[in-house]
Amino acid sequence: MGDPGILPEKASFSLQTEASSIFESILRDPRIDVPEEVQALSDNVRFVGEETQPFYPTPYKAAESQAGILGLVALFALAIAKDRYGIVQECHIDVEHALLNGLGALFARSEGEWLSGSAKMMGAVQRWDHGRTRELYRQLATNIYKTKDGRWYSLHGNMDPTPLLKMLNVPQHNEKDLSWSGILDMYAGIIGDIDSETLDNWSNNVYRTPGTVCMEKEEFEATPHGQAIKHEPYYNLLSQPYYTQPKVFWDSIPFSPTDRRPLSGLKVLDLARAIAAPSIGRVCAALGATVMRISCSTNTELPITLIDGCIGKTSVDLNLKTFEGRKKLLELIQDADVFIDGYRPAVLEHLGFGRDAVLGLVSKRDRGIVYCQENCYGWRGPWVIRPGWAQIADTACGIGLGIGRFNGFDEAHIFPGPNADYLTGHAGAAAVLHAIYLRSRRGGSYVTQCSLLVSNLHMQSYGTYTEDQQKVMKERNKDLIGHMRHYDEIVSHGKNRHVVRGFIADRGLEKAIKEKFYQTVDGRPWGLGDVELVKSALVFQGDNQNPAMRTDWTVGPCPPGYHEPDWERKLNPLFEPIQPAGHVQS
């Protein structure tokens, strides 16, 4: 057999041409309404890469989808640079690298070792794991189990599994010292005695912990919520008619002449945890914005995502449940261009900083604001306020069952890696750039909205790989296909390196994990050595007169509270240093 990545009957197919096709479909989507003068630059976005055939072990076009939506981010970045600096560049997006952007939290490395799930990582981040999510017993409640009526049900413990364990009426900790398989058997036995409708009602209405029946694609589409969001674009961009601030001329925003990035000088407030919403701020930081991550030492953080969520940002500790914390946020909002709300709907409203409050707070100044909202289920329909994560979005819409069958089992699996998170974050970043562009041309304030479930629906709309392509992909991943199961939750995928091994496939470590895909940053704020992080797949092309716009981060990830809450980045003298320490999971 020849090259397993090439199918004779599909010789015209490539990851690059498919990514380009997806990019074109997004670009021409009338619901997004990309301005004509921006569309005119579309030939300056190019999809490249050495690998041309599908290799990542899922039937869905994840690499091409990530590259396509990143293409829209690149296009708005090019349009802003043209308006702002009078330069016209190209942006090349390596499709492999784009997929790596879609899995990034699991690909961090430190001192030659994979960081995700390691003792080093846990030693660095456990200070913020108030929910003790990484206790094996508590972690395995977040999983997919079969119910009494034969349905697969996806449970999620959020950042604190306590309510989920109360719902299942089990102890909060592993009092019987059960083994990994014993814990799985315990949860499977309990879920097996509850019907799926009861579990769904308990999860979403009583205990308010994320959960969903693992539905077929057509089954989800027939639900009232599926009907409500079936025509939703990747993002909603809503001009706010009652806020009429003037156009923001680019020469009013200072920037360094030696580092002309599209968003240089803009200020972004990032109120978000986990992956999807923080990725919006992360992309903005790569494009030059000053991004401030607002968190609080009393809030629990998800260890596996914390370092990833802090990349490129000023990282501050601000307790919004105190009067002083809210006063400080009021002050910071006055200088902000973008406000990212990644919390469950109504959380920030209850604290006084929801969408309408923030729009009103800047209504009298001479420039508008972009208020960016991200959630799980979308922004219309009966499930808008349901709690959810990427795993919930994957299993609600049919992707979970599709992946399970791809692996040879009649069961639901989560997507191997946080693809929906990053796909949504990249859509949210495109929305922010779109709004910033309109603000410079038309003035006013804008609300943007993106969601995990809607992003998944768009990836589904591109279809799956052909049977022949899927057969080749399985050959390229012989040691994975048939071994991943419904009980392999995201931490299991990380510890067993399913995601890393799937990205490498049959290509070998050095060929797949390219040095050019990484940026090395200082890990000392976390008590670590140097840390290698997946950098942005947006690579701009310059010339002799205009150097390529950079997309590296000017500051590495810093722990919550490492900086003072000030737009001028300053170290917080009260931050308690993290001592290098190992951590053995219970």
Protein backbone atom coordinates (compact mmCIF):
# COMPACT_ATOMS: atom_id res chain seq x y z
CA MET A 1 0.00 0.00 0.00
CA GLY A 2 1.24 3.51 -0.84
CA ASP A 3 1.10 6.61 1.31
CA PRO A 4 -1.83 5.92 3.70
CA GLY A 5 -2.69 9.61 3.68
CA ILE A 6 -3.52 9.66 -0.05
CA LEU A 7 -6.64 8.14 -1.54
CA PRO A 8 -6.49 7.81 -5.34
CA GLU A 9 -10.19 8.49 -5.79
CA LYS A 10 -9.89 11.56 -3.54
CA ALA A 11 -6.61 12.91 -4.90
CA SER A 12 -8.15 16.36 -5.33
CA PHE A 13 -9.08 16.56 -1.65
CA SER A 14 -6.73 18.33 0.72
CA LEU A 15 -7.04 19.82 4.18
CA GLN A 16 -6.06 23.14 2.64
CA THR A 17 -8.71 23.20 -0.09
CA GLU A 18 -11.38 22.09 2.39
CA ALA A 19 -10.30 24.79 4.87
CA SER A 20 -10.45 27.35 2.07
CA SER A 21 -13.94 26.18 1.14
CA ILE A 22 -15.12 26.46 4.74
CA PHE A 23 -13.54 29.90 5.03
CA GLU A 24 -15.40 31.01 1.90
CA SER A 25 -18.70 29.69 3.25
CA ILE A 26 -18.22 31.65 6.49
CA LEU A 27 -17.12 34.74 4.61
CA ARG A 28 -20.20 34.72 2.35
CA ASP A 29 -22.67 33.96 5.16
CA PRO A 30 -25.22 36.80 4.94
CA ARG A 31 -26.05 36.37 8.64
CA ILE A 32 -22.52 37.48 9.55
CA ASP A 33 -22.58 40.25 6.94
CA VAL A 34 -18.87 40.80 6.41
CA PRO A 35 -18.43 44.27 4.83
CA GLU A 36 -17.62 44.20 1.12
CA GLU A 37 -14.37 46.11 1.59
CA VAL A 38 -13.24 43.41 4.04
CA GLN A 39 -14.31 40.59 1.72
CA ALA A 40 -12.17 42.21 -0.97
CA LEU A 41 -9.07 41.17 1.01
CA SER A 42 -10.02 37.49 1.18
CA ASP A 43 -7.37 36.40 -1.35
CA ASN A 44 -4.78 37.56 1.19
CA VAL A 45 -5.73 34.70 3.51
CA ARG A 46 -4.08 31.45 2.47
CA PHE A 47 -4.21 27.93 3.87
CA VAL A 48 -0.93 26.05 3.85
CA GLY A 49 0.85 23.10 5.45
CA GLU A 50 2.84 19.92 4.81
CA GLU A 51 0.05 17.52 5.84
CA THR A 52 -2.68 17.47 3.21
CA GLN A 53 -4.87 14.52 4.25
CA PRO A 54 -7.07 13.82 7.30
CA PHE A 55 -5.14 12.35 10.22
CA TYR A 56 -6.85 13.31 13.49
CA PRO A 57 -9.07 10.43 14.71
CA THR A 58 -12.58 11.85 14.43
CA PRO A 59 -15.02 11.77 11.50
CA TYR A 60 -15.55 15.54 11.74
CA LYS A 61 -13.53 18.20 9.91
CA ALA A 62 -12.06 19.79 13.01
CA ALA A 63 -8.77 20.96 11.48
CA GLU A 64 -10.47 22.57 8.50
CA SER A 65 -13.15 24.16 10.71
CA GLN A 66 -10.55 25.71 13.03
CA ALA A 67 -8.57 26.98 10.05
CA GLY A 68 -11.69 28.38 8.38
CA ILE A 69 -12.84 30.44 11.34
CA LEU A 70 -9.27 31.57 12.04
CA GLY A 71 -9.27 32.75 8.44
CA LEU A 72 -12.05 35.18 9.34
CA VAL A 73 -10.04 36.41 12.34
CA ALA A 74 -7.09 36.97 10.01
CA LEU A 75 -9.24 38.77 7.45
CA PHE A 76 -10.53 41.34 9.95
CA ALA A 77 -6.99 41.76 11.31
CA LEU A 78 -5.80 42.54 7.77
CA ALA A 79 -8.66 44.99 7.21
CA ILE A 80 -7.91 46.81 10.47
CA ALA A 81 -4.19 46.97 9.64
CA LYS A 82 -4.97 48.41 6.24
CA ASP A 83 -7.17 51.12 7.74
CA ARG A 84 -4.87 51.81 10.67
CA TYR A 85 -1.39 51.61 9.19
CA GLY A 86 -1.99 51.71 5.46
CA ILE A 87 -0.35 48.30 4.99
CA VAL A 88 -1.64 45.29 3.07
CA GLN A 89 -0.21 41.93 4.11
CA GLU A 90 -1.08 38.29 3.69
CA CYS A 91 -1.84 35.81 6.43
CA HIS A 92 -0.86 32.17 6.02
CA ILE A 93 -2.61 29.60 8.20
CA ASP A 94 -1.09 26.14 8.49
CA VAL A 95 -4.07 23.79 8.84
CA GLU A 96 -2.20 21.40 11.16
CA HIS A 97 -1.27 24.36 13.33
CA ALA A 98 -4.89 25.53 13.30
CA LEU A 99 -5.97 22.16 14.71
CA LEU A 100 -3.26 22.47 17.34
CA ASN A 101 -4.80 25.86 18.21
CA GLY A 102 -8.03 23.92 18.69
CA LEU A 103 -6.48 21.51 21.20
CA GLY A 104 -3.89 23.80 22.78
CA ALA A 105 -4.39 23.33 26.54
CA LEU A 106 -3.37 19.67 26.24
CA PHE A 107 -0.16 20.43 24.32
CA ALA A 108 1.75 22.62 26.79
CA ARG A 109 5.23 21.35 27.62
CA SER A 110 7.78 22.17 30.31
CA GLU A 111 11.37 21.00 30.42
CA GLY A 112 10.78 18.28 27.85
CA GLU A 113 7.61 16.87 29.48
CA TRP A 114 3.95 17.21 28.63
CA LEU A 115 2.52 19.59 31.22
CA SER A 116 -1.19 18.73 31.11
CA GLY A 117 -2.19 16.53 34.03
CA SER A 118 1.38 16.21 35.30
CA ALA A 119 2.55 16.57 38.89
CA LYS A 120 4.34 19.77 37.87
CA MET A 121 1.14 21.31 36.57
CA MET A 122 -0.84 20.30 39.62
CA GLY A 123 1.81 21.74 41.91
CA ALA A 124 1.55 25.01 40.01
CA VAL A 125 -2.23 25.40 39.93
CA GLN A 126 -3.72 23.48 42.86
CA ARG A 127 -3.96 26.69 44.94
CA TRP A 128 -7.06 27.60 42.89
CA ASP A 129 -8.72 24.16 42.78
CA HIS A 130 -11.14 24.85 45.62
CA GLY A 131 -13.57 22.32 44.15
CA ARG A 132 -10.91 19.59 44.36
CA THR A 133 -11.79 18.62 40.82
CA ARG A 134 -8.62 16.62 40.33
CA GLU A 135 -9.36 14.06 42.99
CA LEU A 136 -9.89 11.00 40.82
CA TYR A 137 -13.10 10.09 42.63
CA ARG A 138 -14.61 13.56 42.12
CA GLN A 139 -13.29 13.94 38.60
CA LEU A 140 -14.84 10.71 37.30
CA ALA A 141 -18.35 11.95 38.03
CA THR A 142 -17.79 14.10 34.93
CA ASN A 143 -18.37 11.40 32.38
CA ILE A 144 -20.81 9.55 30.13
CA TYR A 145 -22.86 6.72 31.65
CA LYS A 146 -25.84 4.61 30.54
CA THR A 147 -29.21 5.30 32.22
CA LYS A 148 -31.98 2.96 33.31
CA ASP A 149 -33.87 3.49 30.04
CA GLY A 150 -30.80 2.69 27.91
CA ARG A 151 -29.78 6.24 27.01
CA TRP A 152 -26.26 7.57 27.30
CA TYR A 153 -26.10 10.59 29.60
CA SER A 154 -23.29 13.15 29.81
CA LEU A 155 -22.63 14.50 33.32
CA HIS A 156 -20.33 17.39 34.22
CA GLY A 157 -19.17 18.45 37.68
CA ASN A 158 -18.42 22.03 36.66
CA MET A 159 -15.53 23.56 38.63
CA ASP A 160 -16.90 22.03 41.81
CA PRO A 161 -18.45 18.54 41.63
CA THR A 162 -20.11 18.90 45.05
CA PRO A 163 -23.69 19.44 43.72
CA LEU A 164 -23.28 16.60 41.23
CA LEU A 165 -22.19 14.19 43.96
CA LYS A 166 -25.10 15.34 46.12
CA MET A 167 -27.45 14.68 43.19
CA LEU A 168 -26.09 11.13 42.92
CA ASN A 169 -26.32 10.72 46.73
CA VAL A 170 -22.72 9.57 47.12
CA PRO A 171 -19.98 10.67 49.56
CA GLN A 172 -17.97 13.73 48.54
CA HIS A 173 -14.67 11.83 48.72
CA ASN A 174 -13.35 8.33 48.13
CA GLU A 175 -14.07 6.99 51.61
CA LYS A 176 -13.85 3.35 50.51
CA ASP A 177 -10.55 3.84 48.67
CA LEU A 178 -12.01 2.53 45.44
CA SER A 179 -9.76 1.92 42.44
CA TRP A 180 -10.24 3.76 39.12
CA SER A 181 -12.37 0.90 37.76
CA GLY A 182 -14.22 0.62 41.06
CA ILE A 183 -15.15 4.32 40.93
CA LEU A 184 -16.40 3.96 37.35
CA ASP A 185 -18.46 0.91 38.31
CA MET A 186 -19.97 2.79 41.27
CA TYR A 187 -21.11 5.72 39.12
CA ALA A 188 -22.30 3.42 36.32
CA GLY A 189 -24.40 1.45 38.80
CA ILE A 190 -26.04 4.57 40.22
CA ILE A 191 -26.78 6.15 36.83
CA GLY A 192 -28.04 2.79 35.61
CA ASP A 193 -30.84 3.00 38.18
CA ILE A 194 -32.07 6.46 37.09
CA ASP A 195 -33.99 7.16 33.88
CA SER A 196 -32.61 9.81 31.55
CA GLU A 197 -35.55 12.23 31.85
CA THR A 198 -35.29 12.29 35.66
CA LEU A 199 -31.53 12.80 35.44
CA ASP A 200 -31.97 15.61 32.93
CA ASN A 201 -34.52 17.39 35.10
CA TRP A 202 -32.42 17.00 38.22
CA SER A 203 -29.25 18.22 36.50
CA ASN A 204 -30.67 21.27 34.78
CA ASN A 205 -33.48 22.34 37.09
CA VAL A 206 -32.73 21.18 40.61
CA TYR A 207 -28.99 20.82 41.12
CA ARG A 208 -27.99 23.19 38.27
CA THR A 209 -25.07 21.04 37.25
CA PRO A 210 -24.42 20.57 33.52
CA GLY A 211 -25.91 17.47 31.97
CA THR A 212 -27.53 16.26 28.77
CA VAL A 213 -28.97 13.18 27.12
CA CYS A 214 -26.55 12.13 24.36
CA MET A 215 -28.77 12.72 21.34
CA GLU A 216 -28.62 11.79 17.68
CA LYS A 217 -28.11 14.75 15.36
CA GLU A 218 -31.65 14.53 14.01
CA GLU A 219 -33.07 14.05 17.49
CA PHE A 220 -31.45 17.24 18.72
CA GLU A 221 -32.56 19.16 15.63
CA ALA A 222 -36.17 18.17 16.37
CA THR A 223 -36.11 19.56 19.93
CA PRO A 224 -37.55 23.03 20.56
CA HIS A 225 -34.03 24.28 21.28
CA GLY A 226 -32.64 22.68 18.15
CA GLN A 227 -35.34 24.42 16.14
CA ALA A 228 -34.55 27.73 17.84
CA ILE A 229 -30.84 27.78 17.00
CA LYS A 230 -30.73 25.92 13.69
CA HIS A 231 -30.19 29.12 11.70
CA GLU A 232 -27.75 30.81 14.08
CA PRO A 233 -24.49 32.10 12.53
CA TYR A 234 -21.10 31.45 14.12
CA TYR A 235 -21.65 34.66 16.05
CA ASN A 236 -24.26 37.34 16.49
CA LEU A 237 -23.13 40.94 16.13
CA LEU A 238 -25.72 43.35 17.49
CA SER A 239 -25.35 47.08 17.00
CA GLN A 240 -26.82 48.86 20.02
CA PRO A 241 -29.24 51.48 18.69
CA TYR A 242 -29.40 53.59 21.84
CA TYR A 243 -25.65 54.10 22.08
CA THR A 244 -24.40 56.52 19.46
CA GLN A 245 -20.80 57.29 20.34
CA PRO A 246 -18.81 58.73 17.40
CA LYS A 247 -16.43 56.81 15.16
CA VAL A 248 -13.17 55.84 16.83
CA PHE A 249 -10.41 57.13 14.58
CA TRP A 250 -7.33 54.95 14.65
CA ASP A 251 -4.96 57.86 15.20
CA SER A 252 -6.64 58.39 18.59
CA ILE A 253 -5.31 55.04 19.85
CA PRO A 254 -1.59 55.01 20.70
CA PHE A 255 0.68 52.19 19.54
CA SER A 256 4.36 51.37 19.40
CA PRO A 257 5.83 52.14 15.93
CA THR A 258 8.10 49.11 16.37
CA ASP A 259 5.20 46.68 16.93
CA ARG A 260 2.28 47.49 14.68
CA ARG A 261 -0.36 44.91 15.42
CA PRO A 262 -4.03 45.33 14.52
CA LEU A 263 -5.25 45.75 18.12
CA SER A 264 -2.24 47.56 19.62
CA GLY A 265 -3.35 50.05 22.26
CA LEU A 266 -6.83 48.57 22.72
CA LYS A 267 -7.84 47.42 26.19
CA VAL A 268 -9.78 44.21 26.88
CA LEU A 269 -11.37 43.13 30.16
CA ASP A 270 -11.50 39.34 30.31
CA LEU A 271 -14.01 37.98 32.85
CA ALA A 272 -13.86 34.32 31.92
CA ARG A 273 -12.61 30.91 33.04
CA ALA A 274 -11.84 27.56 31.39
CA ILE A 275 -11.18 27.72 27.63
CA ALA A 276 -13.76 29.15 25.20
CA ALA A 277 -14.19 32.72 26.45
CA PRO A 278 -10.57 33.06 27.65
CA SER A 279 -9.47 32.14 24.12
CA ILE A 280 -11.15 35.28 22.83
CA GLY A 281 -8.89 37.40 25.03
CA ARG A 282 -5.91 35.22 24.16
CA VAL A 283 -6.34 35.91 20.43
CA CYS A 284 -6.82 39.62 21.12
CA ALA A 285 -3.54 39.62 23.08
CA ALA A 286 -1.72 37.93 20.20
CA LEU A 287 -3.03 40.69 17.94
CA GLY A 288 -1.65 43.39 20.22
CA ALA A 289 -4.41 44.25 22.71
CA THR A 290 -3.71 44.78 26.40
CA VAL A 291 -5.87 42.09 28.01
CA MET A 292 -6.65 42.05 31.72
CA ARG A 293 -7.95 38.80 33.19
CA ILE A 294 -10.21 39.45 36.17
CA SER A 295 -10.36 36.56 38.62
CA CYS A 296 -10.63 36.09 42.36
CA SER A 297 -8.67 33.93 44.79
CA THR A 298 -11.92 32.68 46.31
CA ASN A 299 -13.20 31.42 42.96
CA THR A 300 -12.28 27.91 41.91
CA GLU A 301 -10.41 27.47 38.65
CA LEU A 302 -10.13 24.34 36.54
CA PRO A 303 -6.48 23.25 36.86
CA ILE A 304 -6.13 21.74 33.41
CA THR A 305 -7.13 25.02 31.73
CA LEU A 306 -5.78 27.70 34.08
CA ILE A 307 -2.32 28.28 32.60
CA ASP A 308 -3.77 28.24 29.09
CA GLY A 309 -6.40 30.81 30.07
CA CYS A 310 -3.82 33.29 31.36
CA ILE A 311 -1.60 33.47 28.26
CA GLY A 312 -0.71 37.00 27.17
CA LYS A 313 -2.72 38.72 29.90
CA THR A 314 -2.36 40.98 32.90
CA SER A 315 -3.66 38.68 35.64
CA VAL A 316 -5.40 40.30 38.60
CA ASP A 317 -7.35 39.26 41.68
CA LEU A 318 -10.54 41.27 42.13
CA ASN A 319 -13.39 40.12 44.36
CA LEU A 320 -16.58 41.40 42.72
CA LYS A 321 -18.60 40.30 45.73
CA THR A 322 -17.06 43.17 47.68
CA PHE A 323 -17.86 46.86 47.30
CA GLU A 324 -14.19 47.71 46.80
CA GLY A 325 -13.81 45.10 44.06
CA ARG A 326 -16.82 46.45 42.19
CA LYS A 327 -15.57 50.03 42.53
CA LYS A 328 -12.25 49.00 40.96
CA LEU A 329 -14.00 47.27 38.07
CA LEU A 330 -16.06 50.43 37.48
CA GLU A 331 -12.80 52.32 37.12
CA LEU A 332 -11.27 49.78 34.73
CA ILE A 333 -14.36 49.71 32.50
CA GLN A 334 -14.01 53.42 31.77
CA ASP A 335 -10.87 52.73 29.71
CA ALA A 336 -11.92 49.38 28.21
CA ASP A 337 -12.66 48.82 24.53
CA VAL A 338 -13.87 45.23 24.95
CA PHE A 339 -15.59 43.43 27.84
CA ILE A 340 -15.65 39.61 27.67
CA ASP A 341 -18.38 37.87 29.70
CA GLY A 342 -17.75 34.14 29.83
CA TYR A 343 -19.89 33.37 32.85
CA ARG A 344 -23.22 31.62 32.94
CA PRO A 345 -26.05 33.97 31.81
CA ALA A 346 -27.15 36.35 34.61
CA VAL A 347 -24.06 35.84 36.82
CA LEU A 348 -22.54 39.23 36.01
CA GLU A 349 -25.99 40.85 35.98
CA HIS A 350 -26.36 39.86 39.62
CA LEU A 351 -23.00 41.49 40.38
CA GLY A 352 -23.97 44.72 38.61
CA PHE A 353 -21.88 44.28 35.46
CA GLY A 354 -24.08 42.58 32.89
CA ARG A 355 -24.44 43.71 29.30
CA ASP A 356 -26.83 46.62 29.83
CA ALA A 357 -24.97 47.88 32.88
CA VAL A 358 -21.61 47.98 31.09
CA LEU A 359 -23.09 49.62 27.98
CA GLY A 360 -24.63 52.27 30.20
CA LEU A 361 -21.44 52.89 32.13
CA VAL A 362 -19.64 54.09 28.98
CA SER A 363 -22.58 55.75 27.25
CA LYS A 364 -21.27 59.27 27.89
CA ARG A 365 -17.70 58.79 26.76
CA ASP A 366 -16.46 59.50 23.23
CA ARG A 367 -16.07 55.87 22.12
CA GLY A 368 -18.28 52.82 22.35
CA ILE A 369 -17.55 49.42 23.80
CA VAL A 370 -17.83 45.84 22.56
CA TYR A 371 -19.57 43.53 25.05
CA CYS A 372 -18.79 39.91 24.13
CA GLN A 373 -20.93 37.06 25.50
CA GLU A 374 -20.10 33.36 25.34
CA ASN A 375 -22.22 30.45 26.58
CA CYS A 376 -22.92 26.78 25.90
CA TYR A 377 -26.37 26.51 24.34
CA GLY A 378 -26.70 29.67 22.24
CA TRP A 379 -28.62 32.89 22.65
CA ARG A 380 -32.16 31.92 21.76
CA GLY A 381 -34.42 29.02 22.65
CA PRO A 382 -35.49 27.39 25.93
CA TRP A 383 -32.02 26.22 27.00
CA VAL A 384 -30.19 29.57 26.88
CA ILE A 385 -29.57 29.64 30.63
CA ARG A 386 -28.67 25.97 30.99
CA PRO A 387 -25.15 25.42 32.34
CA GLY A 388 -22.80 23.66 29.98
CA TRP A 389 -19.29 22.87 28.83
CA ALA A 390 -17.72 21.67 25.59
CA GLN A 391 -18.39 18.04 26.54
CA ILE A 392 -22.07 18.89 26.98
CA ALA A 393 -22.20 20.64 23.61
CA ASP A 394 -20.47 17.66 21.95
CA THR A 395 -22.91 15.12 23.32
CA ALA A 396 -26.12 17.13 23.00
CA CYS A 397 -26.00 17.55 19.22
CA GLY A 398 -24.95 14.11 18.00
CA ILE A 399 -21.18 14.55 17.78
CA GLY A 400 -20.70 12.34 20.84
CA LEU A 401 -22.55 9.37 19.33
CA GLY A 402 -20.78 9.97 16.00
CA ILE A 403 -17.37 9.75 17.63
CA GLY A 404 -18.32 6.67 19.63
CA ARG A 405 -19.35 4.86 16.45
CA PHE A 406 -16.20 6.01 14.67
CA ASN A 407 -14.30 4.22 17.44
CA GLY A 408 -16.35 1.07 16.92
CA PHE A 409 -18.82 1.32 19.81
CA ASP A 410 -22.54 1.99 20.02
CA GLU A 411 -21.99 4.58 22.73
CA ALA A 412 -21.34 8.29 23.06
CA HIS A 413 -17.83 9.71 23.48
CA ILE A 414 -16.70 13.25 24.11
CA PHE A 415 -14.62 14.84 21.37
CA PRO A 416 -10.95 13.92 21.99
CA GLY A 417 -9.85 17.36 23.08
CA PRO A 418 -11.47 20.76 23.67
CA ASN A 419 -12.17 21.46 20.00
CA ALA A 420 -15.57 23.11 20.59
CA ASP A 421 -14.02 25.43 23.18
CA TYR A 422 -11.43 26.82 20.82
CA LEU A 423 -13.73 26.86 17.81
CA THR A 424 -16.06 29.04 19.86
CA GLY A 425 -13.21 31.19 21.16
CA HIS A 426 -12.00 31.80 17.63
CA ALA A 427 -15.54 32.67 16.50
CA GLY A 428 -15.79 35.07 19.44
CA ALA A 429 -12.46 36.67 18.49
CA ALA A 430 -13.67 37.14 14.90
CA ALA A 431 -16.80 38.79 16.29
CA VAL A 432 -14.76 41.17 18.45
CA LEU A 433 -12.56 42.21 15.52
CA HIS A 434 -15.65 42.63 13.35
CA ALA A 435 -17.22 44.92 15.97
CA ILE A 436 -13.99 46.89 16.47
CA TYR A 437 -13.81 47.40 12.71
CA LEU A 438 -17.40 48.67 12.61
CA ARG A 439 -16.77 50.92 15.59
CA SER A 440 -13.96 52.60 13.65
CA ARG A 441 -16.15 53.03 10.55
CA ARG A 442 -19.56 53.77 12.07
CA GLY A 443 -19.14 54.44 15.79
CA GLY A 444 -21.50 53.13 18.45
CA SER A 445 -21.37 50.15 20.83
CA TYR A 446 -21.85 46.48 20.01
CA VAL A 447 -22.82 43.19 21.61
CA THR A 448 -21.35 39.97 20.21
CA GLN A 449 -22.51 36.46 21.10
CA CYS A 450 -21.01 33.04 20.46
CA SER A 451 -21.68 29.57 21.86
CA LEU A 452 -20.25 26.07 22.05
CA LEU A 453 -23.31 24.34 20.66
CA VAL A 454 -23.70 26.68 17.68
CA SER A 455 -20.01 26.23 16.81
CA ASN A 456 -20.51 22.46 16.85
CA LEU A 457 -23.55 22.75 14.58
CA HIS A 458 -21.44 24.61 12.05
CA MET A 459 -18.72 21.96 12.13
CA GLN A 460 -21.40 19.30 11.64
CA SER A 461 -22.78 21.23 8.66
CA TYR A 462 -19.51 20.64 6.77
CA GLY A 463 -20.22 16.92 6.80
CA THR A 464 -17.96 14.04 7.80
CA TYR A 465 -15.07 12.44 5.98
CA THR A 466 -15.95 9.75 3.46
CA GLU A 467 -15.90 6.09 4.46
CA ASP A 468 -12.62 5.61 2.58
CA GLN A 469 -11.05 8.61 4.30
CA GLN A 470 -12.20 7.36 7.69
CA LYS A 471 -10.73 3.92 6.96
CA VAL A 472 -7.35 5.51 6.23
CA MET A 473 -7.54 7.67 9.37
CA LYS A 474 -8.15 4.55 11.46
CA GLU A 475 -5.10 2.94 9.89
CA ARG A 476 -3.11 6.02 10.81
CA ASN A 477 -4.24 5.67 14.45
CA LYS A 478 -4.13 1.91 15.01
CA ASP A 479 -3.23 2.11 18.69
CA LEU A 480 -6.11 4.48 19.51
CA ILE A 481 -9.13 3.31 17.55
CA GLY A 482 -11.07 0.78 19.57
CA HIS A 483 -9.34 1.74 22.80
CA MET A 484 -11.01 5.07 23.65
CA ARG A 485 -14.32 4.58 25.44
CA HIS A 486 -17.30 6.47 26.85
CA TYR A 487 -15.66 6.67 30.28
CA ASP A 488 -12.57 8.47 28.94
CA GLU A 489 -13.34 12.00 30.10
CA ILE A 490 -11.13 14.98 29.25
CA VAL A 491 -8.58 14.32 32.02
CA SER A 492 -8.30 10.69 30.95
CA HIS A 493 -7.67 11.86 27.40
CA GLY A 494 -4.93 14.10 28.76
CA LYS A 495 -3.24 11.57 31.04
CA ASN A 496 -3.36 8.78 28.45
CA ARG A 497 -2.17 11.24 25.79
CA HIS A 498 -5.02 10.23 23.49
CA VAL A 499 -5.18 13.73 22.05
CA VAL A 500 -1.41 14.07 21.61
CA ARG A 501 -1.15 10.60 20.09
CA GLY A 502 -4.07 11.34 17.77
CA PHE A 503 -2.42 14.54 16.56
CA ILE A 504 0.85 12.70 15.93
CA ALA A 505 -0.97 9.76 14.26
CA ASP A 506 1.51 7.87 12.05
CA ARG A 507 3.79 10.83 11.45
CA GLY A 508 6.26 10.59 14.31
CA LEU A 509 6.75 13.10 17.12
CA GLU A 510 9.26 15.40 15.43
CA LYS A 511 7.33 15.67 12.18
CA ALA A 512 4.01 16.35 13.91
CA ILE A 513 5.02 18.51 16.90
CA LYS A 514 6.94 21.19 15.03
CA GLU A 515 9.05 23.73 16.87
CA LYS A 516 7.54 26.52 14.76
CA PHE A 517 4.13 25.80 16.30
CA TYR A 518 5.37 26.79 19.78
CA GLN A 519 6.38 29.85 21.78
CA THR A 520 8.61 29.45 24.83
CA VAL A 521 7.68 31.57 27.86
CA ASP A 522 9.00 32.02 31.38
CA GLY A 523 7.27 29.60 33.75
CA ARG A 524 8.75 30.98 36.95
CA PRO A 525 5.54 32.77 38.01
CA TRP A 526 4.07 29.24 38.34
CA GLY A 527 7.13 27.75 40.02
CA LEU A 528 8.08 26.09 36.71
CA GLY A 529 10.97 26.27 34.30
CA ASP A 530 10.46 27.40 30.73
CA VAL A 531 7.03 26.51 29.34
CA GLU A 532 6.34 25.82 25.66
CA LEU A 533 2.85 26.87 24.55
CA VAL A 534 1.07 26.47 21.24
CA LYS A 535 1.28 29.86 19.56
CA SER A 536 -1.22 31.46 17.19
CA ALA A 537 -1.60 29.84 13.79
CA LEU A 538 -2.01 33.31 12.27
CA VAL A 539 1.28 34.03 10.48
CA PHE A 540 1.41 37.35 8.68
CA GLN A 541 3.72 37.97 5.72
CA GLY A 542 5.64 41.23 5.46
CA ASP A 543 7.98 42.79 2.93
CA ASN A 544 11.08 45.01 2.91
CA GLN A 545 9.12 48.11 3.85
CA ASN A 546 6.58 46.60 6.27
CA PRO A 547 7.74 43.80 8.57
CA ALA A 548 5.23 41.05 9.19
CA MET A 549 2.78 41.79 11.99
CA ARG A 550 3.66 39.72 15.05
CA THR A 551 1.34 37.33 16.83
CA ASP A 552 3.57 36.21 19.68
CA TRP A 553 2.54 37.08 23.24
CA THR A 554 4.54 39.84 24.88
CA VAL A 555 3.82 38.40 28.32
CA GLY A 556 3.60 34.75 29.27
CA PRO A 557 0.84 33.24 31.39
CA CYS A 558 0.80 34.61 34.93
CA PRO A 559 -1.21 33.24 37.89
CA PRO A 560 -4.35 34.98 39.17
CA GLY A 561 -3.37 37.98 41.25
CA TYR A 562 0.17 38.19 39.86
CA HIS A 563 -0.43 41.80 38.73
CA GLU A 564 -2.06 44.84 40.24
CA PRO A 565 -5.48 45.81 38.80
CA ASP A 566 -4.14 48.62 36.63
CA TRP A 567 -3.97 49.07 32.86
CA GLU A 568 -0.24 49.75 33.21
CA ARG A 569 1.09 46.28 33.92
CA LYS A 570 2.65 46.16 37.39
CA LEU A 571 3.63 43.25 39.60
CA ASN A 572 1.50 42.76 42.69
CA PRO A 573 3.84 42.91 45.73
CA LEU A 574 1.28 40.97 47.79
CA PHE A 575 1.23 37.95 45.46
CA GLU A 576 2.36 34.84 47.33
CA PRO A 577 4.98 33.12 45.15
CA ILE A 578 4.30 29.57 44.02
CA GLN A 579 6.97 27.19 45.20
CA PRO A 580 8.05 24.41 42.82
CA ALA A 581 6.28 21.31 44.08
CA GLY A 582 5.04 17.98 42.86
CA HIS A 583 1.51 16.75 43.36
CA VAL A 584 0.25 13.20 43.56
CA GLN A 585 -3.37 12.81 42.58
CA SER A 586 -5.63 11.19 45.16
